[in-house]
Amino acid sequence: MSFLRILLIAAAFIFIGILPVHAKDMIVKEPPKSLSKYYPPESKQPKWIQQMHKMSTHFGGIFVNLKEKDYENVDVHADKLVEEYKKTSEMVPEWEDYFDIKAVEAFAAAAKTHDIAKAGKESGGLGKTCGKCHAEQEISVWAKFHWPSFHKIKVTDPISEKEVEFDDYMGSISTSFKGVTVNFGEGQYGRAAKALKVFKSRYMELKSTCSKCHATQDVKRFYVGQDADTSFAGLSQELNSEKPNPEKFWKNIGLLGKTGCKHCHLVHRTNSFIQKVWEQ
């Protein structure tokens, strides 16, 4: 095995944490309840992901030190990898079959020969155990424990002045939006202008809602920022003109839809859908 290939294998584990897997291998199902005790609120620290980082660091440490011929630290990382791997294998009983103690011990033994080719060869068996678990569980774990749930967010509707569920508020925004576009399509420009005020008020309220997770001003304004301001100004100008220009109207609708609604949905909706199924 070439030195370059060995380094590539090591890099895959260090930076990705798994060997390559195919999309067809991915399964999205709710993680076992026993994993919850290693994440907030049951645990102050996200202990499970911390274990992943420990193992990845020790695995990477072996190859870093083999390359540098620091064999004393190669042995230290090899022993610590076995220790943390065994500890992790006992944390979630439902996942014990993902772990192969013989594979990690064989890799550690190969690393202690201080032969980087042998270590690279033995890393494959260990990497497969990690890759299988990640292919089947990683997306689910991130969706459940690393993405805040929209379904716990309450929003005060600026129109009704009532506190509503986030999903219901999204429905209200959608209804308000259709009030603008449907009326414009029918040539009812006065009604469309009136609906625009309601839609804008509800849409721009998201600046406050987003701040429940996004604390910095730049991030908070990412979907409700300059493009939204430009779009609403353009829409208002057209609807209040003597003869609205359909091309300009729909251009501004597209700007808002693509840079606001769609971009936010692309980032957040998939995890929200997954979480909603599990919370039902």
Protein backbone atom coordinates (compact mmCIF):
# COMPACT_ATOMS: atom_id res chain seq x y z
CA MET A 1 0.00 0.00 0.00
CA SER A 2 1.42 3.37 -1.02
CA PHE A 3 2.15 6.02 1.57
CA LEU A 4 -0.29 8.39 -0.18
CA ARG A 5 -3.11 5.87 0.02
CA ILE A 6 -2.45 5.31 3.72
CA LEU A 7 -2.68 9.03 4.38
CA LEU A 8 -5.93 9.22 2.41
CA ILE A 9 -7.43 6.46 4.56
CA ALA A 10 -6.33 8.27 7.69
CA ALA A 11 -7.75 11.55 6.43
CA ALA A 12 -11.10 9.91 5.73
CA PHE A 13 -11.37 8.83 9.35
CA ILE A 14 -10.03 12.07 10.82
CA PHE A 15 -12.12 14.53 8.87
CA ILE A 16 -15.21 12.47 8.06
CA GLY A 17 -15.08 9.84 10.76
CA ILE A 18 -16.04 6.99 8.41
CA LEU A 19 -14.94 5.19 5.30
CA PRO A 20 -17.02 6.02 2.20
CA VAL A 21 -20.59 4.72 2.14
CA HIS A 22 -23.24 4.82 -0.56
CA ALA A 23 -26.53 6.71 -0.39
CA LYS A 24 -28.46 3.45 -0.71
CA ASP A 25 -27.00 2.37 2.64
CA MET A 26 -28.53 5.28 4.56
CA ILE A 27 -31.44 4.59 6.89
CA VAL A 28 -33.23 7.38 8.73
CA LYS A 29 -34.91 6.08 11.86
CA GLU A 30 -35.22 7.49 15.34
CA PRO A 31 -32.18 6.72 17.53
CA PRO A 32 -32.72 4.48 20.57
CA LYS A 33 -33.90 6.19 23.74
CA SER A 34 -30.78 5.03 25.57
CA LEU A 35 -28.76 7.54 23.53
CA SER A 36 -30.72 10.45 25.02
CA LYS A 37 -28.85 10.25 28.32
CA TYR A 38 -25.67 11.32 26.52
CA TYR A 39 -27.19 14.55 25.19
CA PRO A 40 -28.82 17.61 26.76
CA PRO A 41 -31.14 17.99 28.54
CA GLU A 42 -30.44 14.65 30.25
CA SER A 43 -26.68 15.28 30.11
CA LYS A 44 -24.99 18.65 30.58
CA GLN A 45 -22.50 17.73 27.86
CA PRO A 46 -23.06 15.96 24.50
CA LYS A 47 -21.11 12.94 25.70
CA TRP A 48 -21.79 10.76 22.67
CA ILE A 49 -20.32 13.14 20.10
CA GLN A 50 -17.45 13.79 22.50
CA GLN A 51 -16.66 10.08 22.35
CA MET A 52 -16.66 10.25 18.56
CA HIS A 53 -14.14 13.09 18.69
CA LYS A 54 -11.94 11.21 21.15
CA MET A 55 -11.77 8.13 18.94
CA SER A 56 -11.18 10.16 15.81
CA THR A 57 -8.40 12.12 17.52
CA HIS A 58 -6.62 8.99 18.72
CA PHE A 59 -6.97 7.32 15.32
CA GLY A 60 -5.57 10.40 13.63
CA GLY A 61 -2.90 10.72 16.29
CA ILE A 62 -1.55 7.31 15.35
CA PHE A 63 -0.94 8.31 11.73
CA VAL A 64 0.33 11.78 12.56
CA ASN A 65 2.93 10.31 14.89
CA LEU A 66 3.82 7.42 12.59
CA LYS A 67 4.64 9.97 9.91
CA GLU A 68 6.71 11.98 12.40
CA LYS A 69 8.36 8.81 13.76
CA ASP A 70 7.18 9.70 17.26
CA TYR A 71 6.62 6.09 18.22
CA GLU A 72 6.10 6.72 21.92
CA ASN A 73 2.99 8.77 21.14
CA VAL A 74 1.89 6.23 18.52
CA ASP A 75 1.64 3.69 21.32
CA VAL A 76 -0.16 6.15 23.61
CA HIS A 77 -2.80 6.89 20.99
CA ALA A 78 -3.19 3.21 20.11
CA ASP A 79 -3.90 2.30 23.73
CA LYS A 80 -6.28 5.22 24.20
CA LEU A 81 -8.16 4.36 21.00
CA VAL A 82 -8.81 0.83 22.23
CA GLU A 83 -9.88 2.18 25.62
CA GLU A 84 -12.32 4.73 24.19
CA TYR A 85 -13.65 2.32 21.55
CA LYS A 86 -14.47 -0.27 24.22
CA LYS A 87 -16.07 2.39 26.41
CA THR A 88 -18.20 3.64 23.52
CA SER A 89 -19.29 0.10 22.61
CA GLU A 90 -20.98 -0.21 26.02
CA MET A 91 -22.81 3.13 26.02
CA VAL A 92 -25.77 2.24 23.78
CA PRO A 93 -26.81 -1.42 24.18
CA GLU A 94 -28.88 -1.37 20.97
CA TRP A 95 -25.77 -0.51 18.96
CA GLU A 96 -23.27 -2.98 20.41
CA ASP A 97 -23.28 -5.03 17.19
CA TYR A 98 -21.74 -2.12 15.30
CA PHE A 99 -18.54 -2.51 17.30
CA ASP A 100 -15.78 -5.03 16.67
CA ILE A 101 -13.32 -5.16 19.57
CA LYS A 102 -11.03 -7.55 17.70
CA ALA A 103 -10.79 -5.07 14.82
CA VAL A 104 -9.70 -2.17 17.04
CA GLU A 105 -7.23 -4.37 18.90
CA ALA A 106 -5.78 -5.64 15.62
CA PHE A 107 -5.36 -2.09 14.38
CA ALA A 108 -3.72 -0.99 17.63
CA ALA A 109 -1.33 -3.94 17.46
CA ALA A 110 -0.43 -3.07 13.87
CA ALA A 111 0.14 0.56 14.85
CA LYS A 112 2.51 -0.54 17.61
CA THR A 113 4.74 -2.28 15.05
CA HIS A 114 5.45 1.29 13.89
CA ASP A 115 5.00 0.14 10.31
CA ILE A 116 2.69 2.65 8.65
CA ALA A 117 1.81 0.23 5.84
CA LYS A 118 0.63 -2.42 8.31
CA ALA A 119 -1.32 0.19 10.26
CA GLY A 120 -2.98 1.43 7.08
CA LYS A 121 -3.97 -2.08 6.06
CA GLU A 122 -5.49 -2.92 9.45
CA SER A 123 -7.35 0.40 9.62
CA GLY A 124 -9.75 -0.84 6.95
CA GLY A 125 -11.48 -3.36 9.22
CA LEU A 126 -11.95 -0.79 11.94
CA GLY A 127 -13.17 1.83 9.49
CA LYS A 128 -15.90 -0.50 8.23
CA THR A 129 -17.39 -0.77 11.73
CA CYS A 130 -17.55 3.01 11.99
CA GLY A 131 -18.84 3.41 8.44
CA LYS A 132 -21.76 1.02 8.92
CA CYS A 133 -22.94 2.76 12.08
CA HIS A 134 -22.60 6.21 10.54
CA ALA A 135 -24.40 5.18 7.36
CA GLU A 136 -27.37 3.91 9.34
CA GLN A 137 -27.45 6.29 12.31
CA GLU A 138 -25.50 9.55 11.81
CA ILE A 139 -28.22 11.53 10.02
CA SER A 140 -30.79 10.47 12.60
CA VAL A 141 -28.56 11.47 15.50
CA TRP A 142 -27.85 14.88 14.01
CA ALA A 143 -31.54 15.45 13.28
CA LYS A 144 -32.63 14.53 16.79
CA PHE A 145 -29.87 15.94 18.97
CA HIS A 146 -28.02 18.62 17.01
CA TRP A 147 -30.85 20.51 15.27
CA PRO A 148 -33.17 22.58 17.48
CA SER A 149 -36.82 21.66 17.01
CA PHE A 150 -39.06 24.18 15.26
CA HIS A 151 -42.02 22.41 16.82
CA LYS A 152 -41.13 23.86 20.23
CA ILE A 153 -41.10 27.46 18.99
CA LYS A 154 -44.02 29.79 19.71
CA VAL A 155 -44.61 32.92 17.61
CA THR A 156 -46.74 35.97 18.38
CA ASP A 157 -48.67 36.69 15.19
CA PRO A 158 -48.41 40.47 14.59
CA ILE A 159 -51.82 40.46 12.90
CA SER A 160 -53.93 38.46 15.36
CA GLU A 161 -51.60 39.28 18.30
CA LYS A 162 -52.02 35.67 19.45
CA GLU A 163 -49.26 33.21 20.30
CA VAL A 164 -49.29 30.31 17.86
CA GLU A 165 -47.29 27.19 17.03
CA PHE A 166 -44.48 27.71 14.52
CA ASP A 167 -46.06 25.34 11.97
CA ASP A 168 -49.35 27.23 12.20
CA TYR A 169 -47.52 30.51 11.75
CA MET A 170 -45.87 29.21 8.59
CA GLY A 171 -49.34 28.36 7.34
CA SER A 172 -50.48 31.92 8.04
CA ILE A 173 -47.52 33.32 6.11
CA SER A 174 -48.35 31.06 3.17
CA THR A 175 -52.00 32.14 3.21
CA SER A 176 -50.99 35.82 3.35
CA PHE A 177 -48.61 35.28 0.44
CA LYS A 178 -51.35 33.74 -1.68
CA GLY A 179 -53.55 36.73 -0.90
CA VAL A 180 -50.96 38.86 -2.68
CA THR A 181 -50.32 36.66 -5.70
CA VAL A 182 -53.89 35.47 -6.31
CA ASN A 183 -55.33 38.98 -6.17
CA PHE A 184 -52.59 40.31 -8.43
CA GLY A 185 -53.26 37.55 -10.95
CA GLU A 186 -56.94 38.53 -10.95
CA GLY A 187 -56.12 42.19 -11.49
CA GLN A 188 -57.36 43.08 -7.99
CA TYR A 189 -54.41 45.36 -7.25
CA GLY A 190 -56.01 47.14 -4.29
CA ARG A 191 -56.70 43.83 -2.57
CA ALA A 192 -53.19 42.64 -3.41
CA ALA A 193 -51.70 45.79 -1.85
CA LYS A 194 -53.74 45.25 1.30
CA ALA A 195 -52.68 41.60 1.46
CA LEU A 196 -49.04 42.62 0.97
CA LYS A 197 -49.09 44.63 4.20
CA VAL A 198 -50.29 41.57 6.12
CA PHE A 199 -47.81 39.28 4.39
CA LYS A 200 -44.87 41.64 4.98
CA SER A 201 -45.75 42.07 8.64
CA ARG A 202 -45.84 38.31 9.19
CA TYR A 203 -42.76 37.61 7.09
CA MET A 204 -40.58 40.24 8.76
CA GLU A 205 -41.60 38.95 12.19
CA LEU A 206 -39.29 36.02 11.38
CA LYS A 207 -36.35 38.26 12.28
CA SER A 208 -37.46 37.92 15.89
CA THR A 209 -38.30 34.23 15.53
CA CYS A 210 -34.93 33.37 13.96
CA SER A 211 -33.16 35.03 16.88
CA LYS A 212 -34.40 32.25 19.14
CA CYS A 213 -31.56 30.19 17.65
CA HIS A 214 -29.46 32.66 15.67
CA ALA A 215 -27.96 35.23 18.01
CA THR A 216 -25.78 37.29 15.68
CA GLN A 217 -27.26 40.07 13.57
CA ASP A 218 -25.76 38.79 10.30
CA VAL A 219 -27.22 35.30 10.66
CA LYS A 220 -30.54 36.62 11.92
CA ARG A 221 -30.90 38.69 8.76
CA PHE A 222 -29.71 35.96 6.40
CA TYR A 223 -33.18 35.04 5.13
CA VAL A 224 -34.93 38.23 6.23
CA GLY A 225 -32.33 40.73 5.10
CA GLN A 226 -31.52 43.08 2.23
CA ASP A 227 -33.09 40.91 -0.47
CA ALA A 228 -36.36 40.81 1.47
CA ASP A 229 -36.28 44.58 1.95
CA THR A 230 -35.65 45.08 -1.77
CA SER A 231 -38.41 42.67 -2.73
CA PHE A 232 -41.06 44.20 -0.48
CA ALA A 233 -40.15 47.72 -1.58
CA GLY A 234 -40.47 46.70 -5.23
CA LEU A 235 -43.79 44.93 -4.66
CA SER A 236 -45.21 47.90 -2.80
CA GLN A 237 -44.10 50.27 -5.54
CA GLU A 238 -45.80 48.22 -8.24
CA LEU A 239 -49.04 47.67 -6.35
CA ASN A 240 -49.35 51.36 -5.56
CA SER A 241 -48.55 52.52 -9.07
CA GLU A 242 -51.21 53.59 -11.55
CA LYS A 243 -50.46 50.62 -13.80
CA PRO A 244 -48.52 47.79 -12.09
CA ASN A 245 -45.88 46.07 -14.20
CA PRO A 246 -46.43 42.28 -14.05
CA GLU A 247 -42.81 41.53 -15.02
CA LYS A 248 -41.42 43.62 -12.16
CA PHE A 249 -44.02 42.25 -9.75
CA TRP A 250 -43.20 38.61 -10.42
CA LYS A 251 -39.47 39.33 -10.45
CA ASN A 252 -39.72 40.60 -6.88
CA ILE A 253 -41.90 37.66 -5.88
CA GLY A 254 -39.20 35.36 -7.27
CA LEU A 255 -36.44 37.22 -5.43
CA LEU A 256 -38.23 36.82 -2.11
CA GLY A 257 -39.15 33.21 -2.78
CA LYS A 258 -35.67 32.10 -3.81
CA THR A 259 -33.46 34.05 -1.40
CA GLY A 260 -35.82 33.90 1.55
CA CYS A 261 -38.35 31.09 1.60
CA LYS A 262 -36.52 28.50 -0.51
CA HIS A 263 -33.06 29.01 0.99
CA CYS A 264 -34.42 28.68 4.51
CA HIS A 265 -36.44 25.61 3.59
CA LEU A 266 -33.45 23.94 1.92
CA VAL A 267 -31.45 24.29 5.13
CA HIS A 268 -34.09 23.59 7.76
CA ARG A 269 -37.10 21.71 6.39
CA THR A 270 -35.67 18.23 5.97
CA ASN A 271 -34.67 17.96 9.61
CA SER A 272 -37.96 19.54 10.63
CA PHE A 273 -39.90 16.88 8.70
CA ILE A 274 -37.88 14.09 10.32
CA GLN A 275 -38.35 15.52 13.81
CA LYS A 276 -42.08 15.98 13.29
CA VAL A 277 -42.55 12.31 12.44
CA TRP A 278 -40.70 11.27 15.60
CA GLU A 279 -42.63 13.71 17.80
CA GLN A 280 -46.07 12.53 16.67
